[in-house]
Amino acid sequence: MSKRKKKKPEDPKVHSDLKGFKMEIDPFGEISSSFPIDKINEFLNKNVEDKKLKDREDLDDIKRGSDEEE
């Protein structure tokens, strides 16, 4: 019988802003993350279009406002 080589778990390909991001769920269902939730939300606000907000007239103002806060 041939022995199977164990594959090393590869890190997933992620956006450069999220390098080192790890998310785990413990046996109790609690989610732990290597990044603070505020940083994750900031990234999502910049890079993901919200389907529910796409028809709002003030969406551009909201996005610009979050950029100015930095």
N, C-alpha and C. Protein backbone atom coordinates (compact mmCIF):
# COMPACT_ATOMS: atom_id res chain seq x y z
N MET A 1 0.83 -1.18 0.00
CA MET A 1 0.00 0.00 0.00
C MET A 1 0.87 1.25 0.00
N SER A 2 0.45 2.20 -0.76
CA SER A 2 1.21 3.45 -0.81
C SER A 2 0.73 4.40 0.29
N LYS A 3 1.66 5.15 0.78
CA LYS A 3 1.32 6.12 1.81
C LYS A 3 0.93 7.42 1.14
N ARG A 4 -0.11 8.02 1.64
CA ARG A 4 -0.55 9.30 1.10
C ARG A 4 0.20 10.43 1.81
N LYS A 5 0.58 11.39 1.02
CA LYS A 5 1.25 12.55 1.60
C LYS A 5 0.18 13.49 2.16
N LYS A 6 0.47 13.99 3.33
CA LYS A 6 -0.46 14.95 3.92
C LYS A 6 -0.23 16.31 3.27
N LYS A 7 -1.32 16.91 2.86
CA LYS A 7 -1.22 18.24 2.26
C LYS A 7 -1.21 19.29 3.36
N LYS A 8 -0.36 20.27 3.18
CA LYS A 8 -0.34 21.39 4.11
C LYS A 8 -1.58 22.25 3.84
N PRO A 9 -2.24 22.68 4.88
CA PRO A 9 -3.37 23.58 4.63
C PRO A 9 -2.85 24.90 4.06
N GLU A 10 -3.34 25.23 2.89
CA GLU A 10 -2.90 26.46 2.23
C GLU A 10 -3.73 27.64 2.72
N ASP A 11 -3.09 28.79 2.78
CA ASP A 11 -3.81 30.00 3.12
C ASP A 11 -4.64 30.40 1.91
N PRO A 12 -5.87 30.81 2.13
CA PRO A 12 -6.70 31.24 1.00
C PRO A 12 -6.18 32.54 0.40
N LYS A 13 -6.48 32.75 -0.86
CA LYS A 13 -6.10 34.00 -1.52
C LYS A 13 -7.06 35.08 -1.05
N VAL A 14 -6.49 36.16 -0.55
CA VAL A 14 -7.31 37.25 -0.02
C VAL A 14 -6.82 38.58 -0.56
N HIS A 15 -7.65 39.58 -0.43
CA HIS A 15 -7.31 40.94 -0.82
C HIS A 15 -6.11 41.40 0.02
N SER A 16 -5.28 42.24 -0.56
CA SER A 16 -4.06 42.68 0.15
C SER A 16 -4.37 43.40 1.46
N ASP A 17 -5.54 44.05 1.56
CA ASP A 17 -5.91 44.73 2.80
C ASP A 17 -6.25 43.75 3.92
N LEU A 18 -6.53 42.50 3.55
CA LEU A 18 -6.94 41.51 4.55
C LEU A 18 -5.89 40.43 4.80
N LYS A 19 -4.63 40.71 4.47
CA LYS A 19 -3.57 39.74 4.72
C LYS A 19 -3.54 39.40 6.21
N GLY A 20 -3.46 38.13 6.52
CA GLY A 20 -3.40 37.70 7.91
C GLY A 20 -4.76 37.55 8.57
N PHE A 21 -5.83 37.72 7.82
CA PHE A 21 -7.17 37.61 8.37
C PHE A 21 -7.52 36.14 8.59
N LYS A 22 -7.87 35.80 9.79
CA LYS A 22 -8.29 34.45 10.14
C LYS A 22 -9.58 34.53 10.93
N MET A 23 -10.50 33.61 10.64
CA MET A 23 -11.76 33.56 11.36
C MET A 23 -11.99 32.12 11.79
N GLU A 24 -12.34 31.94 13.04
CA GLU A 24 -12.55 30.60 13.59
C GLU A 24 -13.84 30.57 14.39
N ILE A 25 -14.47 29.41 14.41
CA ILE A 25 -15.67 29.20 15.21
C ILE A 25 -15.36 28.12 16.24
N ASP A 26 -15.50 28.45 17.51
CA ASP A 26 -15.18 27.48 18.55
C ASP A 26 -16.34 26.50 18.75
N PRO A 27 -16.16 25.48 19.58
CA PRO A 27 -17.22 24.46 19.78
C PRO A 27 -18.53 25.03 20.34
N PHE A 28 -18.47 26.20 20.94
CA PHE A 28 -19.68 26.82 21.48
C PHE A 28 -20.37 27.72 20.47
N GLY A 29 -19.81 27.83 19.28
CA GLY A 29 -20.41 28.66 18.23
C GLY A 29 -19.97 30.10 18.27
N GLU A 30 -19.02 30.44 19.09
CA GLU A 30 -18.52 31.81 19.15
C GLU A 30 -17.52 32.04 18.03
N ILE A 31 -17.66 33.16 17.36
CA ILE A 31 -16.79 33.50 16.24
C ILE A 31 -15.65 34.36 16.75
N SER A 32 -14.42 33.97 16.43
CA SER A 32 -13.27 34.79 16.79
C SER A 32 -12.54 35.16 15.51
N SER A 33 -12.00 36.36 15.48
CA SER A 33 -11.37 36.88 14.28
C SER A 33 -10.05 37.52 14.64
N SER A 34 -9.13 37.53 13.68
CA SER A 34 -7.83 38.15 13.92
C SER A 34 -7.87 39.65 13.66
N PHE A 35 -8.95 40.16 13.08
CA PHE A 35 -9.11 41.59 12.82
C PHE A 35 -10.29 42.11 13.63
N PRO A 36 -10.22 43.36 14.07
CA PRO A 36 -11.37 43.94 14.76
C PRO A 36 -12.54 44.11 13.77
N ILE A 37 -13.75 43.98 14.26
CA ILE A 37 -14.94 44.05 13.41
C ILE A 37 -15.04 45.39 12.69
N ASP A 38 -14.55 46.46 13.31
CA ASP A 38 -14.61 47.78 12.67
C ASP A 38 -13.77 47.81 11.39
N LYS A 39 -12.61 47.17 11.42
CA LYS A 39 -11.75 47.14 10.24
C LYS A 39 -12.40 46.30 9.13
N ILE A 40 -13.04 45.21 9.49
CA ILE A 40 -13.73 44.38 8.51
C ILE A 40 -14.88 45.15 7.88
N ASN A 41 -15.67 45.85 8.70
CA ASN A 41 -16.79 46.64 8.19
C ASN A 41 -16.30 47.76 7.27
N GLU A 42 -15.21 48.40 7.63
CA GLU A 42 -14.65 49.46 6.80
C GLU A 42 -14.25 48.91 5.43
N PHE A 43 -13.60 47.75 5.43
CA PHE A 43 -13.20 47.12 4.17
C PHE A 43 -14.43 46.79 3.32
N LEU A 44 -15.45 46.22 3.94
CA LEU A 44 -16.65 45.85 3.20
C LEU A 44 -17.37 47.08 2.65
N ASN A 45 -17.40 48.15 3.42
CA ASN A 45 -18.05 49.38 2.95
C ASN A 45 -17.36 49.94 1.71
N LYS A 46 -16.04 49.83 1.67
CA LYS A 46 -15.29 50.35 0.53
C LYS A 46 -15.40 49.46 -0.71
N ASN A 47 -15.40 48.14 -0.51
CA ASN A 47 -15.21 47.22 -1.63
C ASN A 47 -16.42 46.42 -2.07
N VAL A 48 -17.50 46.45 -1.31
CA VAL A 48 -18.67 45.65 -1.66
C VAL A 48 -19.88 46.57 -1.79
N GLU A 49 -20.60 46.40 -2.90
CA GLU A 49 -21.80 47.21 -3.11
C GLU A 49 -22.96 46.56 -2.38
N ASP A 50 -23.66 47.34 -1.58
CA ASP A 50 -24.80 46.84 -0.83
C ASP A 50 -26.03 46.88 -1.72
N LYS A 51 -26.63 45.74 -1.99
CA LYS A 51 -27.78 45.66 -2.89
C LYS A 51 -28.97 46.46 -2.38
N LYS A 52 -29.14 46.51 -1.08
CA LYS A 52 -30.29 47.22 -0.51
C LYS A 52 -30.12 48.73 -0.61
N LEU A 53 -28.89 49.20 -0.66
CA LEU A 53 -28.65 50.65 -0.67
C LEU A 53 -28.34 51.20 -2.06
N LYS A 54 -28.28 50.36 -3.08
CA LYS A 54 -27.84 50.82 -4.40
C LYS A 54 -28.77 51.86 -5.02
N ASP A 55 -30.05 51.91 -4.63
CA ASP A 55 -31.00 52.86 -5.22
C ASP A 55 -31.08 54.17 -4.44
N ARG A 56 -30.33 54.29 -3.36
CA ARG A 56 -30.37 55.52 -2.57
C ARG A 56 -29.64 56.63 -3.29
N GLU A 57 -30.19 57.83 -3.21
CA GLU A 57 -29.58 58.98 -3.87
C GLU A 57 -28.34 59.47 -3.12
N ASP A 58 -28.29 59.27 -1.82
CA ASP A 58 -27.18 59.79 -1.02
C ASP A 58 -26.08 58.74 -0.78
N LEU A 59 -26.06 57.68 -1.57
CA LEU A 59 -25.07 56.62 -1.38
C LEU A 59 -23.65 57.14 -1.58
N ASP A 60 -23.44 57.97 -2.61
CA ASP A 60 -22.11 58.52 -2.85
C ASP A 60 -21.64 59.37 -1.67
N ASP A 61 -22.57 60.14 -1.09
CA ASP A 61 -22.21 60.97 0.07
C ASP A 61 -21.82 60.09 1.26
N ILE A 62 -22.51 58.99 1.43
CA ILE A 62 -22.21 58.08 2.54
C ILE A 62 -20.82 57.47 2.35
N LYS A 63 -20.52 57.03 1.12
CA LYS A 63 -19.21 56.43 0.86
C LYS A 63 -18.10 57.46 1.04
N ARG A 64 -18.31 58.68 0.55
CA ARG A 64 -17.29 59.71 0.70
C ARG A 64 -17.09 60.05 2.18
N GLY A 65 -18.16 60.04 2.94
CA GLY A 65 -18.08 60.34 4.36
C GLY A 65 -17.23 59.35 5.11
N SER A 66 -17.31 58.08 4.73
CA SER A 66 -16.50 57.07 5.42
C SER A 66 -15.04 57.19 5.02
N ASP A 67 -14.77 57.66 3.80
CA ASP A 67 -13.38 57.88 3.37
C ASP A 67 -12.76 59.06 4.10
N GLU A 68 -13.57 60.11 4.37
CA GLU A 68 -13.05 61.32 5.01
C GLU A 68 -12.74 61.07 6.48
N GLU A 69 -13.42 60.09 7.11
CA GLU A 69 -13.21 59.83 8.53
C GLU A 69 -11.84 59.25 8.81
N GLU A 70 -11.22 58.64 7.82
CA GLU A 70 -9.92 57.97 8.03
C GLU A 70 -8.84 58.93 8.23
